[in-house]
Amino acid sequence: MKKRPLGKTGFDIAPLVFGGNVFGWTIDEKASFDVLDAFVDHGFDAIDTADVYSRWKPGNQGGESETIIGRWLKARPGVRDKVKIFTKVGSDLGLPGEKGLGEKWVLQAVDRSLARLGIDRIDLYFSHWPDETPYEETLGAYDKLIRGGKVRAIGASNVNAEQLGAALSVSRQQHLPTYQVLQPNYSLAERGQFDGALRDLCMHEDIGVIPYYSLASGFLTGKYRSADDLKGSSRAGSVEKYINARGFGILSAIDQVAEAHHAKPAEVALAWLMARPGITAPIASATKVAHVESFAHAATLHLAPAEIDLLDKASA
């Protein structure tokens, strides 16, 4: 599978990243191992998670996803050399002091993530959410982690162009590590946060971009086409905002392109992202091996300019 450079991190990745938010939430450890095995077998090589995954599930405390990935790595000798591990810090873990981007917590949190993952270095460590911590404090903490060999590169998630630009400026002025990757919410259904100034900044600065919610919480798979389809779904709260005329217009365009390629709607939605200027690799989750097989098909799907234009106009 053809790799793509991930910004200025110094490493390349396959054109799709596995989203580990499902581990310990919608799939158990055995199913997680199965989809991870299939993911690597198909030539993919980057896995994204966070310390907070999947705290939102009743009975969970956070760290479940990292723990499952760590057990998978331990059970598969040699696989660590084949994959890049991305994780995040900053989300609220529910106890005093266990949130945010202050130096004290970042230095504590990284050791907990490393222990759960069972590795000695995180390939890409993200600031999960912007907060009030001065950039120089957060970046100074990352400087210590990079110098100490615990982190290879850093990224930012959920920031706007002004915030990212300010962080880059502090990095230059203070000679501190620079955010080399951005993780925004971006898809055919959600274009407002990234298109425009943020995309232009990332392209100008050669910042890698790995968008999350690439399938809009499953809406772009085509499985949710009415309010009735949402009943009983764990993702209903995230999907219902797309059940409207614009959403149906996007699905109609996807269906048209999918039919021409004998492809699934999700494959078209991912292929559109992979072809977008400034995008390195979308993040997508799988709960079945068949989903991973679909990812592999998406990575080989070439959309014609007219098809991309159709999708662009439907999602504008």
C-alpha atoms as a PDB file:
ATOM      1  CA  MET A   1       0.000   0.000   0.000  1.00  0.00           C
ATOM      2  CA  LYS A   2       1.385   3.394  -0.982  1.00  0.00           C
ATOM      3  CA  LYS A   3       2.384   5.464   2.042  1.00  0.00           C
ATOM      4  CA  ARG A   4       2.039   9.191   2.540  1.00  0.00           C
ATOM      5  CA  PRO A   5       4.367  11.490   4.519  1.00  0.00           C
ATOM      6  CA  LEU A   6       2.675  12.656   7.721  1.00  0.00           C
ATOM      7  CA  GLY A   7       3.604  16.313   7.710  1.00  0.00           C
ATOM      8  CA  LYS A   8       7.076  16.892   9.125  1.00  0.00           C
ATOM      9  CA  THR A   9       6.969  14.014  11.595  1.00  0.00           C
ATOM     10  CA  GLY A  10       9.601  12.107   9.647  1.00  0.00           C
ATOM     11  CA  PHE A  11       7.452   9.035   9.104  1.00  0.00           C
ATOM     12  CA  ASP A  12       5.006   7.857   6.466  1.00  0.00           C
ATOM     13  CA  ILE A  13       1.657   6.157   6.978  1.00  0.00           C
ATOM     14  CA  ALA A  14      -0.892   4.299   4.874  1.00  0.00           C
ATOM     15  CA  PRO A  15      -3.804   6.485   3.668  1.00  0.00           C
ATOM     16  CA  LEU A  16      -6.207   5.484   6.462  1.00  0.00           C
ATOM     17  CA  VAL A  17      -5.812   5.468  10.262  1.00  0.00           C
ATOM     18  CA  PHE A  18      -7.728   3.118  12.571  1.00  0.00           C
ATOM     19  CA  GLY A  19      -9.906   4.910  15.110  1.00  0.00           C
ATOM     20  CA  GLY A  20      -9.588   3.167  18.457  1.00  0.00           C
ATOM     21  CA  ASN A  21     -12.562   4.822  20.154  1.00  0.00           C
ATOM     22  CA  VAL A  22     -14.595   1.631  19.640  1.00  0.00           C
ATOM     23  CA  PHE A  23     -12.275  -0.538  21.756  1.00  0.00           C
ATOM     24  CA  GLY A  24     -13.924  -1.259  25.083  1.00  0.00           C
ATOM     25  CA  TRP A  25     -17.062   0.537  23.949  1.00  0.00           C
ATOM     26  CA  THR A  26     -18.896  -1.071  21.025  1.00  0.00           C
ATOM     27  CA  ILE A  27     -16.563  -4.067  20.670  1.00  0.00           C
ATOM     28  CA  ASP A  28     -14.856  -6.249  23.260  1.00  0.00           C
ATOM     29  CA  GLU A  29     -11.214  -7.282  23.412  1.00  0.00           C
ATOM     30  CA  LYS A  30     -11.521 -10.343  21.168  1.00  0.00           C
ATOM     31  CA  ALA A  31     -13.331  -8.433  18.420  1.00  0.00           C
ATOM     32  CA  SER A  32     -10.793  -5.625  18.805  1.00  0.00           C
ATOM     33  CA  PHE A  33      -7.930  -8.057  18.226  1.00  0.00           C
ATOM     34  CA  ASP A  34      -9.683  -9.436  15.143  1.00  0.00           C
ATOM     35  CA  VAL A  35     -10.123  -6.050  13.469  1.00  0.00           C
ATOM     36  CA  LEU A  36      -6.599  -4.935  14.383  1.00  0.00           C
ATOM     37  CA  ASP A  37      -5.146  -8.127  12.912  1.00  0.00           C
ATOM     38  CA  ALA A  38      -7.115  -7.553   9.706  1.00  0.00           C
ATOM     39  CA  PHE A  39      -6.065  -3.909   9.621  1.00  0.00           C
ATOM     40  CA  VAL A  40      -2.365  -4.765   9.660  1.00  0.00           C
ATOM     41  CA  ASP A  41      -2.841  -7.710   7.295  1.00  0.00           C
ATOM     42  CA  HIS A  42      -4.293  -5.308   4.711  1.00  0.00           C
ATOM     43  CA  GLY A  43      -1.210  -3.107   4.872  1.00  0.00           C
ATOM     44  CA  PHE A  44      -2.447  -0.320   7.144  1.00  0.00           C
ATOM     45  CA  ASP A  45      -0.091   0.861   9.848  1.00  0.00           C
ATOM     46  CA  ALA A  46      -1.430   3.662  12.104  1.00  0.00           C
ATOM     47  CA  ILE A  47      -3.755   3.396  15.113  1.00  0.00           C
ATOM     48  CA  ASP A  48      -5.303   6.395  16.868  1.00  0.00           C
ATOM     49  CA  THR A  49      -6.613   6.381  20.423  1.00  0.00           C
ATOM     50  CA  ALA A  50      -6.802   8.620  23.517  1.00  0.00           C
ATOM     51  CA  ASP A  51      -6.432   8.276  27.266  1.00  0.00           C
ATOM     52  CA  VAL A  52     -10.133   9.090  27.702  1.00  0.00           C
ATOM     53  CA  TYR A  53     -11.418   6.299  25.397  1.00  0.00           C
ATOM     54  CA  SER A  54     -13.928   4.945  26.344  1.00  0.00           C
ATOM     55  CA  ARG A  55     -14.823   6.666  29.606  1.00  0.00           C
ATOM     56  CA  TRP A  56     -18.321   7.555  28.368  1.00  0.00           C
ATOM     57  CA  LYS A  57     -19.499   3.934  28.547  1.00  0.00           C
ATOM     58  CA  PRO A  58     -21.147   3.147  31.901  1.00  0.00           C
ATOM     59  CA  GLY A  59     -18.667   1.308  34.121  1.00  0.00           C
ATOM     60  CA  ASN A  60     -15.598   2.527  32.250  1.00  0.00           C
ATOM     61  CA  GLN A  61     -13.001   4.910  33.679  1.00  0.00           C
ATOM     62  CA  GLY A  62     -10.986   5.799  30.596  1.00  0.00           C
ATOM     63  CA  GLY A  63      -7.892   4.020  29.309  1.00  0.00           C
ATOM     64  CA  GLU A  64      -9.847   0.985  28.090  1.00  0.00           C
ATOM     65  CA  SER A  65      -8.873   1.527  24.459  1.00  0.00           C
ATOM     66  CA  GLU A  66      -5.173   2.002  25.211  1.00  0.00           C
ATOM     67  CA  THR A  67      -5.231  -1.096  27.404  1.00  0.00           C
ATOM     68  CA  ILE A  68      -6.726  -3.261  24.661  1.00  0.00           C
ATOM     69  CA  ILE A  69      -4.205  -1.968  22.119  1.00  0.00           C
ATOM     70  CA  GLY A  70      -1.416  -2.698  24.590  1.00  0.00           C
ATOM     71  CA  ARG A  71      -2.608  -6.264  25.113  1.00  0.00           C
ATOM     72  CA  TRP A  72      -2.844  -6.734  21.341  1.00  0.00           C
ATOM     73  CA  LEU A  73       0.709  -5.485  20.857  1.00  0.00           C
ATOM     74  CA  LYS A  74       1.963  -7.794  23.608  1.00  0.00           C
ATOM     75  CA  ALA A  75       0.161 -10.792  22.080  1.00  0.00           C
ATOM     76  CA  ARG A  76       1.636 -10.082  18.629  1.00  0.00           C
ATOM     77  CA  PRO A  77       5.447 -10.051  18.956  1.00  0.00           C
ATOM     78  CA  GLY A  78       6.992  -7.945  16.222  1.00  0.00           C
ATOM     79  CA  VAL A  79       3.848  -6.026  15.290  1.00  0.00           C
ATOM     80  CA  ARG A  80       4.980  -2.911  17.182  1.00  0.00           C
ATOM     81  CA  ASP A  81       7.635  -2.381  14.518  1.00  0.00           C
ATOM     82  CA  LYS A  82       4.907  -2.339  11.855  1.00  0.00           C
ATOM     83  CA  VAL A  83       2.523   0.218  13.374  1.00  0.00           C
ATOM     84  CA  LYS A  84       2.515   3.822  14.520  1.00  0.00           C
ATOM     85  CA  ILE A  85       0.631   4.517  17.740  1.00  0.00           C
ATOM     86  CA  PHE A  86      -1.160   7.848  18.223  1.00  0.00           C
ATOM     87  CA  THR A  87      -2.800   8.877  21.490  1.00  0.00           C
ATOM     88  CA  LYS A  88      -4.011  12.039  23.198  1.00  0.00           C
ATOM     89  CA  VAL A  89      -3.974  13.940  26.479  1.00  0.00           C
ATOM     90  CA  GLY A  90      -6.213  16.673  27.828  1.00  0.00           C
ATOM     91  CA  SER A  91      -9.726  15.265  28.160  1.00  0.00           C
ATOM     92  CA  ASP A  92     -11.320  15.122  31.598  1.00  0.00           C
ATOM     93  CA  LEU A  93     -10.722  11.747  33.240  1.00  0.00           C
ATOM     94  CA  GLY A  94     -13.050  12.545  36.113  1.00  0.00           C
ATOM     95  CA  LEU A  95     -10.619  13.038  39.000  1.00  0.00           C
ATOM     96  CA  PRO A  96      -9.077  16.261  40.316  1.00  0.00           C
ATOM     97  CA  GLY A  97      -6.101  17.379  38.244  1.00  0.00           C
ATOM     98  CA  GLU A  98      -6.600  14.710  35.600  1.00  0.00           C
ATOM     99  CA  LYS A  99      -7.433  16.891  32.635  1.00  0.00           C
ATOM    100  CA  GLY A 100      -6.046  19.752  30.581  1.00  0.00           C
ATOM    101  CA  LEU A 101      -2.685  20.573  29.052  1.00  0.00           C
ATOM    102  CA  GLY A 102      -0.745  21.779  32.082  1.00  0.00           C
ATOM    103  CA  GLU A 103       2.799  20.449  32.387  1.00  0.00           C
ATOM    104  CA  LYS A 104       2.220  18.507  35.604  1.00  0.00           C
ATOM    105  CA  TRP A 105      -0.683  16.502  34.163  1.00  0.00           C
ATOM    106  CA  VAL A 106       0.899  15.985  30.724  1.00  0.00           C
ATOM    107  CA  LEU A 107       4.009  14.493  32.329  1.00  0.00           C
ATOM    108  CA  GLN A 108       1.885  12.202  34.491  1.00  0.00           C
ATOM    109  CA  ALA A 109      -0.582  11.248  31.766  1.00  0.00           C
ATOM    110  CA  VAL A 110       2.058  10.198  29.257  1.00  0.00           C
ATOM    111  CA  ASP A 111       3.487   7.651  31.666  1.00  0.00           C
ATOM    112  CA  ARG A 112       0.034   6.184  32.263  1.00  0.00           C
ATOM    113  CA  SER A 113      -0.616   5.950  28.522  1.00  0.00           C
ATOM    114  CA  LEU A 114       2.774   4.327  27.930  1.00  0.00           C
ATOM    115  CA  ALA A 115       2.046   1.790  30.666  1.00  0.00           C
ATOM    116  CA  ARG A 116      -1.387   0.916  29.294  1.00  0.00           C
ATOM    117  CA  LEU A 117      -0.038   0.649  25.757  1.00  0.00           C
ATOM    118  CA  GLY A 118       2.977  -1.353  26.904  1.00  0.00           C
ATOM    119  CA  ILE A 119       5.377   0.676  24.759  1.00  0.00           C
ATOM    120  CA  ASP A 120       8.339   2.921  25.506  1.00  0.00           C
ATOM    121  CA  ARG A 121       7.540   5.693  23.033  1.00  0.00           C
ATOM    122  CA  ILE A 122       4.375   7.213  21.574  1.00  0.00           C
ATOM    123  CA  ASP A 123       4.787   7.964  17.894  1.00  0.00           C
ATOM    124  CA  LEU A 124       2.354  10.885  17.870  1.00  0.00           C
ATOM    125  CA  TYR A 125       0.968  12.583  20.979  1.00  0.00           C
ATOM    126  CA  PHE A 126      -1.984  14.963  20.587  1.00  0.00           C
ATOM    127  CA  SER A 127      -3.320  17.827  22.645  1.00  0.00           C
ATOM    128  CA  HIS A 128      -6.913  16.588  22.627  1.00  0.00           C
ATOM    129  CA  TRP A 129      -8.678  19.884  23.277  1.00  0.00           C
ATOM    130  CA  PRO A 130      -7.486  23.483  23.568  1.00  0.00           C
ATOM    131  CA  ASP A 131      -7.646  24.959  27.061  1.00  0.00           C
ATOM    132  CA  GLU A 132      -6.389  27.962  29.007  1.00  0.00           C
ATOM    133  CA  THR A 133      -2.874  26.600  29.555  1.00  0.00           C
ATOM    134  CA  PRO A 134      -0.252  28.897  27.983  1.00  0.00           C
ATOM    135  CA  TYR A 135       1.151  27.368  24.805  1.00  0.00           C
ATOM    136  CA  GLU A 136       4.697  27.671  26.103  1.00  0.00           C
ATOM    137  CA  GLU A 137       3.840  25.530  29.136  1.00  0.00           C
ATOM    138  CA  THR A 138       2.256  22.737  27.094  1.00  0.00           C
ATOM    139  CA  LEU A 139       4.933  22.815  24.406  1.00  0.00           C
ATOM    140  CA  GLY A 140       7.608  22.925  27.108  1.00  0.00           C
ATOM    141  CA  ALA A 141       6.184  19.722  28.584  1.00  0.00           C
ATOM    142  CA  TYR A 142       6.256  18.111  25.138  1.00  0.00           C
ATOM    143  CA  ASP A 143       9.864  19.254  24.747  1.00  0.00           C
ATOM    144  CA  LYS A 144      10.756  17.277  27.862  1.00  0.00           C
ATOM    145  CA  LEU A 145       8.914  14.221  26.581  1.00  0.00           C
ATOM    146  CA  ILE A 146      10.570  14.339  23.166  1.00  0.00           C
ATOM    147  CA  ARG A 147      14.020  14.874  24.669  1.00  0.00           C
ATOM    148  CA  GLY A 148      13.330  12.031  27.083  1.00  0.00           C
ATOM    149  CA  GLY A 149      12.416   9.680  24.255  1.00  0.00           C
ATOM    150  CA  LYS A 150       8.826   9.162  25.389  1.00  0.00           C
ATOM    151  CA  VAL A 151       7.218  10.938  22.420  1.00  0.00           C
ATOM    152  CA  ARG A 152       8.314  11.131  18.798  1.00  0.00           C
ATOM    153  CA  ALA A 153       6.095  13.919  17.423  1.00  0.00           C
ATOM    154  CA  ILE A 154       3.191  16.071  18.586  1.00  0.00           C
ATOM    155  CA  GLY A 155      -0.141  17.145  17.153  1.00  0.00           C
ATOM    156  CA  ALA A 156      -3.207  19.210  17.977  1.00  0.00           C
ATOM    157  CA  SER A 157      -6.877  18.288  17.794  1.00  0.00           C
ATOM    158  CA  ASN A 158     -10.021  20.438  17.746  1.00  0.00           C
ATOM    159  CA  VAL A 159      -8.243  23.774  17.280  1.00  0.00           C
ATOM    160  CA  ASN A 160      -9.125  26.569  14.861  1.00  0.00           C
ATOM    161  CA  ALA A 161      -6.760  28.466  12.576  1.00  0.00           C
ATOM    162  CA  GLU A 162      -6.148  31.235  15.111  1.00  0.00           C
ATOM    163  CA  GLN A 163      -5.272  28.792  17.888  1.00  0.00           C
ATOM    164  CA  LEU A 164      -3.013  26.674  15.704  1.00  0.00           C
ATOM    165  CA  GLY A 165      -1.306  29.760  14.307  1.00  0.00           C
ATOM    166  CA  ALA A 166      -0.672  31.098  17.816  1.00  0.00           C
ATOM    167  CA  ALA A 167       0.828  27.773  18.927  1.00  0.00           C
ATOM    168  CA  LEU A 168       3.105  27.675  15.879  1.00  0.00           C
ATOM    169  CA  SER A 169       4.249  31.218  16.612  1.00  0.00           C
ATOM    170  CA  VAL A 170       5.142  30.326  20.213  1.00  0.00           C
ATOM    171  CA  SER A 171       7.066  27.279  18.978  1.00  0.00           C
ATOM    172  CA  ARG A 172       9.199  29.470  16.736  1.00  0.00           C
ATOM    173  CA  GLN A 173       9.732  32.238  19.249  1.00  0.00           C
ATOM    174  CA  GLN A 174      10.551  29.952  22.171  1.00  0.00           C
ATOM    175  CA  HIS A 175      12.397  27.289  20.146  1.00  0.00           C
ATOM    176  CA  LEU A 176       9.930  24.653  21.326  1.00  0.00           C
ATOM    177  CA  PRO A 177       8.495  21.592  19.549  1.00  0.00           C
ATOM    178  CA  THR A 178       5.949  22.339  16.822  1.00  0.00           C
ATOM    179  CA  TYR A 179       2.561  20.762  16.222  1.00  0.00           C
ATOM    180  CA  GLN A 180       3.204  18.705  13.103  1.00  0.00           C
ATOM    181  CA  VAL A 181      -0.228  17.067  12.710  1.00  0.00           C
ATOM    182  CA  LEU A 182      -3.800  18.282  13.036  1.00  0.00           C
ATOM    183  CA  GLN A 183      -6.802  16.124  13.891  1.00  0.00           C
ATOM    184  CA  PRO A 184     -10.019  17.969  12.985  1.00  0.00           C
ATOM    185  CA  ASN A 185     -13.648  16.870  12.695  1.00  0.00           C
ATOM    186  CA  TYR A 186     -13.969  16.701   8.910  1.00  0.00           C
ATOM    187  CA  SER A 187     -16.052  14.747   6.426  1.00  0.00           C
ATOM    188  CA  LEU A 188     -18.516  15.191   3.598  1.00  0.00           C
ATOM    189  CA  ALA A 189     -21.084  15.977   6.294  1.00  0.00           C
ATOM    190  CA  GLU A 190     -18.837  18.308   8.351  1.00  0.00           C
ATOM    191  CA  ARG A 191     -16.737  20.689   6.259  1.00  0.00           C
ATOM    192  CA  GLY A 192     -16.988  23.985   8.117  1.00  0.00           C
ATOM    193  CA  GLN A 193     -14.293  23.447  10.737  1.00  0.00           C
ATOM    194  CA  PHE A 194     -11.440  22.615   8.369  1.00  0.00           C
ATOM    195  CA  ASP A 195     -12.143  24.060   4.915  1.00  0.00           C
ATOM    196  CA  GLY A 196     -10.810  27.576   4.545  1.00  0.00           C
ATOM    197  CA  ALA A 197      -8.258  29.231   6.819  1.00  0.00           C
ATOM    198  CA  LEU A 198      -7.358  26.118   8.811  1.00  0.00           C
ATOM    199  CA  ARG A 199      -6.790  24.010   5.712  1.00  0.00           C
ATOM    200  CA  ASP A 200      -4.746  26.799   4.111  1.00  0.00           C
ATOM    201  CA  LEU A 201      -2.566  27.119   7.212  1.00  0.00           C
ATOM    202  CA  CYS A 202      -1.919  23.379   7.366  1.00  0.00           C
ATOM    203  CA  MET A 203      -0.978  23.229   3.707  1.00  0.00           C
ATOM    204  CA  HIS A 204       1.301  26.275   4.000  1.00  0.00           C
ATOM    205  CA  GLU A 205       3.050  24.849   7.060  1.00  0.00           C
ATOM    206  CA  ASP A 206       3.139  21.247   5.736  1.00  0.00           C
ATOM    207  CA  ILE A 207       1.118  20.005   8.697  1.00  0.00           C
ATOM    208  CA  GLY A 208      -0.240  16.474   8.339  1.00  0.00           C
ATOM    209  CA  VAL A 209      -4.018  16.172   8.672  1.00  0.00           C
ATOM    210  CA  ILE A 210      -5.837  13.070   9.905  1.00  0.00           C
ATOM    211  CA  PRO A 211      -9.539  13.948  10.291  1.00  0.00           C
ATOM    212  CA  TYR A 212     -11.798  12.105  12.720  1.00  0.00           C
ATOM    213  CA  TYR A 213     -15.520  11.335  12.316  1.00  0.00           C
ATOM    214  CA  SER A 214     -14.652  10.673   8.674  1.00  0.00           C
ATOM    215  CA  LEU A 215     -17.930   8.826   8.256  1.00  0.00           C
ATOM    216  CA  ALA A 216     -19.908  11.282  10.401  1.00  0.00           C
ATOM    217  CA  SER A 217     -20.505   8.739  13.171  1.00  0.00           C
ATOM    218  CA  GLY A 218     -21.726   6.228  10.608  1.00  0.00           C
ATOM    219  CA  PHE A 219     -24.160   8.484   8.736  1.00  0.00           C
ATOM    220  CA  LEU A 220     -22.053   8.373   5.556  1.00  0.00           C
ATOM    221  CA  THR A 221     -22.232   4.576   5.489  1.00  0.00           C
ATOM    222  CA  GLY A 222     -25.832   5.009   4.376  1.00  0.00           C
ATOM    223  CA  LYS A 223     -27.262   2.889   7.166  1.00  0.00           C
ATOM    224  CA  TYR A 224     -29.192   5.807   8.705  1.00  0.00           C
ATOM    225  CA  ARG A 225     -31.736   7.188   6.242  1.00  0.00           C
ATOM    226  CA  SER A 226     -34.592   8.046   8.597  1.00  0.00           C
ATOM    227  CA  ALA A 227     -35.252   8.736  12.255  1.00  0.00           C
ATOM    228  CA  ASP A 228     -36.483   5.159  12.617  1.00  0.00           C
ATOM    229  CA  ASP A 229     -33.052   3.872  11.597  1.00  0.00           C
ATOM    230  CA  LEU A 230     -31.553   5.544  14.664  1.00  0.00           C
ATOM    231  CA  LYS A 231     -33.606   3.594  17.189  1.00  0.00           C
ATOM    232  CA  GLY A 232     -31.380   1.501  19.423  1.00  0.00           C
ATOM    233  CA  SER A 233     -28.144   2.854  17.941  1.00  0.00           C
ATOM    234  CA  SER A 234     -25.319   3.889  20.278  1.00  0.00           C
ATOM    235  CA  ARG A 235     -24.550   6.688  17.822  1.00  0.00           C
ATOM    236  CA  ALA A 236     -28.067   8.104  17.522  1.00  0.00           C
ATOM    237  CA  GLY A 237     -27.201  11.308  19.357  1.00  0.00           C
ATOM    238  CA  SER A 238     -24.344  12.053  16.968  1.00  0.00           C
ATOM    239  CA  VAL A 239     -26.167  11.133  13.764  1.00  0.00           C
ATOM    240  CA  GLU A 240     -29.614  12.713  14.145  1.00  0.00           C
ATOM    241  CA  LYS A 241     -28.349  16.189  13.131  1.00  0.00           C
ATOM    242  CA  TYR A 242     -27.663  14.840   9.626  1.00  0.00           C
ATOM    243  CA  ILE A 243     -31.182  13.504   9.094  1.00  0.00           C
ATOM    244  CA  ASN A 244     -32.290  16.452   6.964  1.00  0.00           C
ATOM    245  CA  ALA A 245     -32.426  17.634   3.349  1.00  0.00           C
ATOM    246  CA  ARG A 246     -28.705  18.404   3.151  1.00  0.00           C
ATOM    247  CA  GLY A 247     -27.778  15.036   4.607  1.00  0.00           C
ATOM    248  CA  PHE A 248     -30.025  13.183   2.205  1.00  0.00           C
ATOM    249  CA  GLY A 249     -28.544  15.171  -0.677  1.00  0.00           C
ATOM    250  CA  ILE A 250     -25.063  14.040   0.330  1.00  0.00           C
ATOM    251  CA  LEU A 251     -26.198  10.430   0.532  1.00  0.00           C
ATOM    252  CA  SER A 252     -27.816  10.698  -2.882  1.00  0.00           C
ATOM    253  CA  ALA A 253     -24.558  11.918  -4.424  1.00  0.00           C
ATOM    254  CA  ILE A 254     -22.611   9.187  -2.633  1.00  0.00           C
ATOM    255  CA  ASP A 255     -25.067   6.555  -3.863  1.00  0.00           C
ATOM    256  CA  GLN A 256     -24.629   7.741  -7.440  1.00  0.00           C
ATOM    257  CA  VAL A 257     -20.845   7.498  -7.275  1.00  0.00           C
ATOM    258  CA  ALA A 258     -20.929   4.213  -5.383  1.00  0.00           C
ATOM    259  CA  GLU A 259     -23.143   2.611  -7.998  1.00  0.00           C
ATOM    260  CA  ALA A 260     -20.737   3.607 -10.767  1.00  0.00           C
ATOM    261  CA  HIS A 261     -17.835   1.956  -8.938  1.00  0.00           C
ATOM    262  CA  HIS A 262     -19.732  -1.013  -7.482  1.00  0.00           C
ATOM    263  CA  ALA A 263     -18.601   0.332  -4.126  1.00  0.00           C
ATOM    264  CA  LYS A 264     -20.176   0.898  -0.732  1.00  0.00           C
ATOM    265  CA  PRO A 265     -21.192   4.402   0.385  1.00  0.00           C
ATOM    266  CA  ALA A 266     -18.555   4.431   3.146  1.00  0.00           C
ATOM    267  CA  GLU A 267     -15.854   3.620   0.620  1.00  0.00           C
ATOM    268  CA  VAL A 268     -16.827   6.599  -1.514  1.00  0.00           C
ATOM    269  CA  ALA A 269     -16.913   8.925   1.510  1.00  0.00           C
ATOM    270  CA  LEU A 270     -13.424   7.788   2.555  1.00  0.00           C
ATOM    271  CA  ALA A 271     -12.060   7.956  -0.995  1.00  0.00           C
ATOM    272  CA  TRP A 272     -13.303  11.557  -1.248  1.00  0.00           C
ATOM    273  CA  LEU A 273     -11.384  12.414   1.918  1.00  0.00           C
ATOM    274  CA  MET A 274      -8.223  10.676   0.739  1.00  0.00           C
ATOM    275  CA  ALA A 275      -8.351  12.783  -2.432  1.00  0.00           C
ATOM    276  CA  ARG A 276      -8.877  16.105  -0.636  1.00  0.00           C
ATOM    277  CA  PRO A 277      -6.068  18.685  -0.796  1.00  0.00           C
ATOM    278  CA  GLY A 278      -4.264  18.847   2.531  1.00  0.00           C
ATOM    279  CA  ILE A 279      -5.599  15.552   3.906  1.00  0.00           C
ATOM    280  CA  THR A 280      -3.039  12.873   4.771  1.00  0.00           C
ATOM    281  CA  ALA A 281      -5.300  10.055   5.954  1.00  0.00           C
ATOM    282  CA  PRO A 282      -8.809   9.929   7.408  1.00  0.00           C
ATOM    283  CA  ILE A 283      -9.466   8.120  10.671  1.00  0.00           C
ATOM    284  CA  ALA A 284     -12.153   5.441  10.566  1.00  0.00           C
ATOM    285  CA  SER A 285     -13.340   2.862  13.080  1.00  0.00           C
ATOM    286  CA  ALA A 286     -14.302  -0.745  12.422  1.00  0.00           C
ATOM    287  CA  THR A 287     -16.285  -3.190  14.505  1.00  0.00           C
ATOM    288  CA  LYS A 288     -16.033  -6.076  12.040  1.00  0.00           C
ATOM    289  CA  VAL A 289     -13.323  -7.520   9.815  1.00  0.00           C
ATOM    290  CA  ALA A 290     -15.582  -6.777   6.841  1.00  0.00           C
ATOM    291  CA  HIS A 291     -15.288  -3.078   7.632  1.00  0.00           C
ATOM    292  CA  VAL A 292     -11.493  -3.286   7.374  1.00  0.00           C
ATOM    293  CA  GLU A 293     -11.819  -5.025   4.025  1.00  0.00           C
ATOM    294  CA  SER A 294     -13.955  -2.080   2.956  1.00  0.00           C
ATOM    295  CA  PHE A 295     -11.206   0.317   4.071  1.00  0.00           C
ATOM    296  CA  ALA A 296      -8.781  -1.498   1.783  1.00  0.00           C
ATOM    297  CA  HIS A 297     -11.186  -1.087  -1.120  1.00  0.00           C
ATOM    298  CA  ALA A 298     -11.584   2.614  -0.358  1.00  0.00           C
ATOM    299  CA  ALA A 299      -7.814   3.072  -0.449  1.00  0.00           C
ATOM    300  CA  THR A 300      -7.748   1.840  -4.063  1.00  0.00           C
ATOM    301  CA  LEU A 301     -10.852   3.717  -5.218  1.00  0.00           C
ATOM    302  CA  HIS A 302     -10.063   6.451  -7.741  1.00  0.00           C
ATOM    303  CA  LEU A 303     -12.786   9.069  -8.117  1.00  0.00           C
ATOM    304  CA  ALA A 304     -13.080  10.967 -11.385  1.00  0.00           C
ATOM    305  CA  PRO A 305     -12.981  14.792 -11.274  1.00  0.00           C
ATOM    306  CA  ALA A 306     -16.681  14.941 -12.152  1.00  0.00           C
ATOM    307  CA  GLU A 307     -17.505  12.603  -9.252  1.00  0.00           C
ATOM    308  CA  ILE A 308     -15.475  14.680  -6.814  1.00  0.00           C
ATOM    309  CA  ASP A 309     -17.256  17.791  -8.095  1.00  0.00           C
ATOM    310  CA  LEU A 310     -20.639  16.124  -7.548  1.00  0.00           C
ATOM    311  CA  LEU A 311     -19.718  15.264  -3.952  1.00  0.00           C
ATOM    312  CA  ASP A 312     -18.240  18.734  -3.352  1.00  0.00           C
ATOM    313  CA  LYS A 313     -21.424  20.467  -4.485  1.00  0.00           C
ATOM    314  CA  ALA A 314     -23.723  18.158  -2.508  1.00  0.00           C
ATOM    315  CA  SER A 315     -21.785  18.785   0.703  1.00  0.00           C
ATOM    316  CA  ALA A 316     -21.055  22.492   0.252  1.00  0.00           C
END
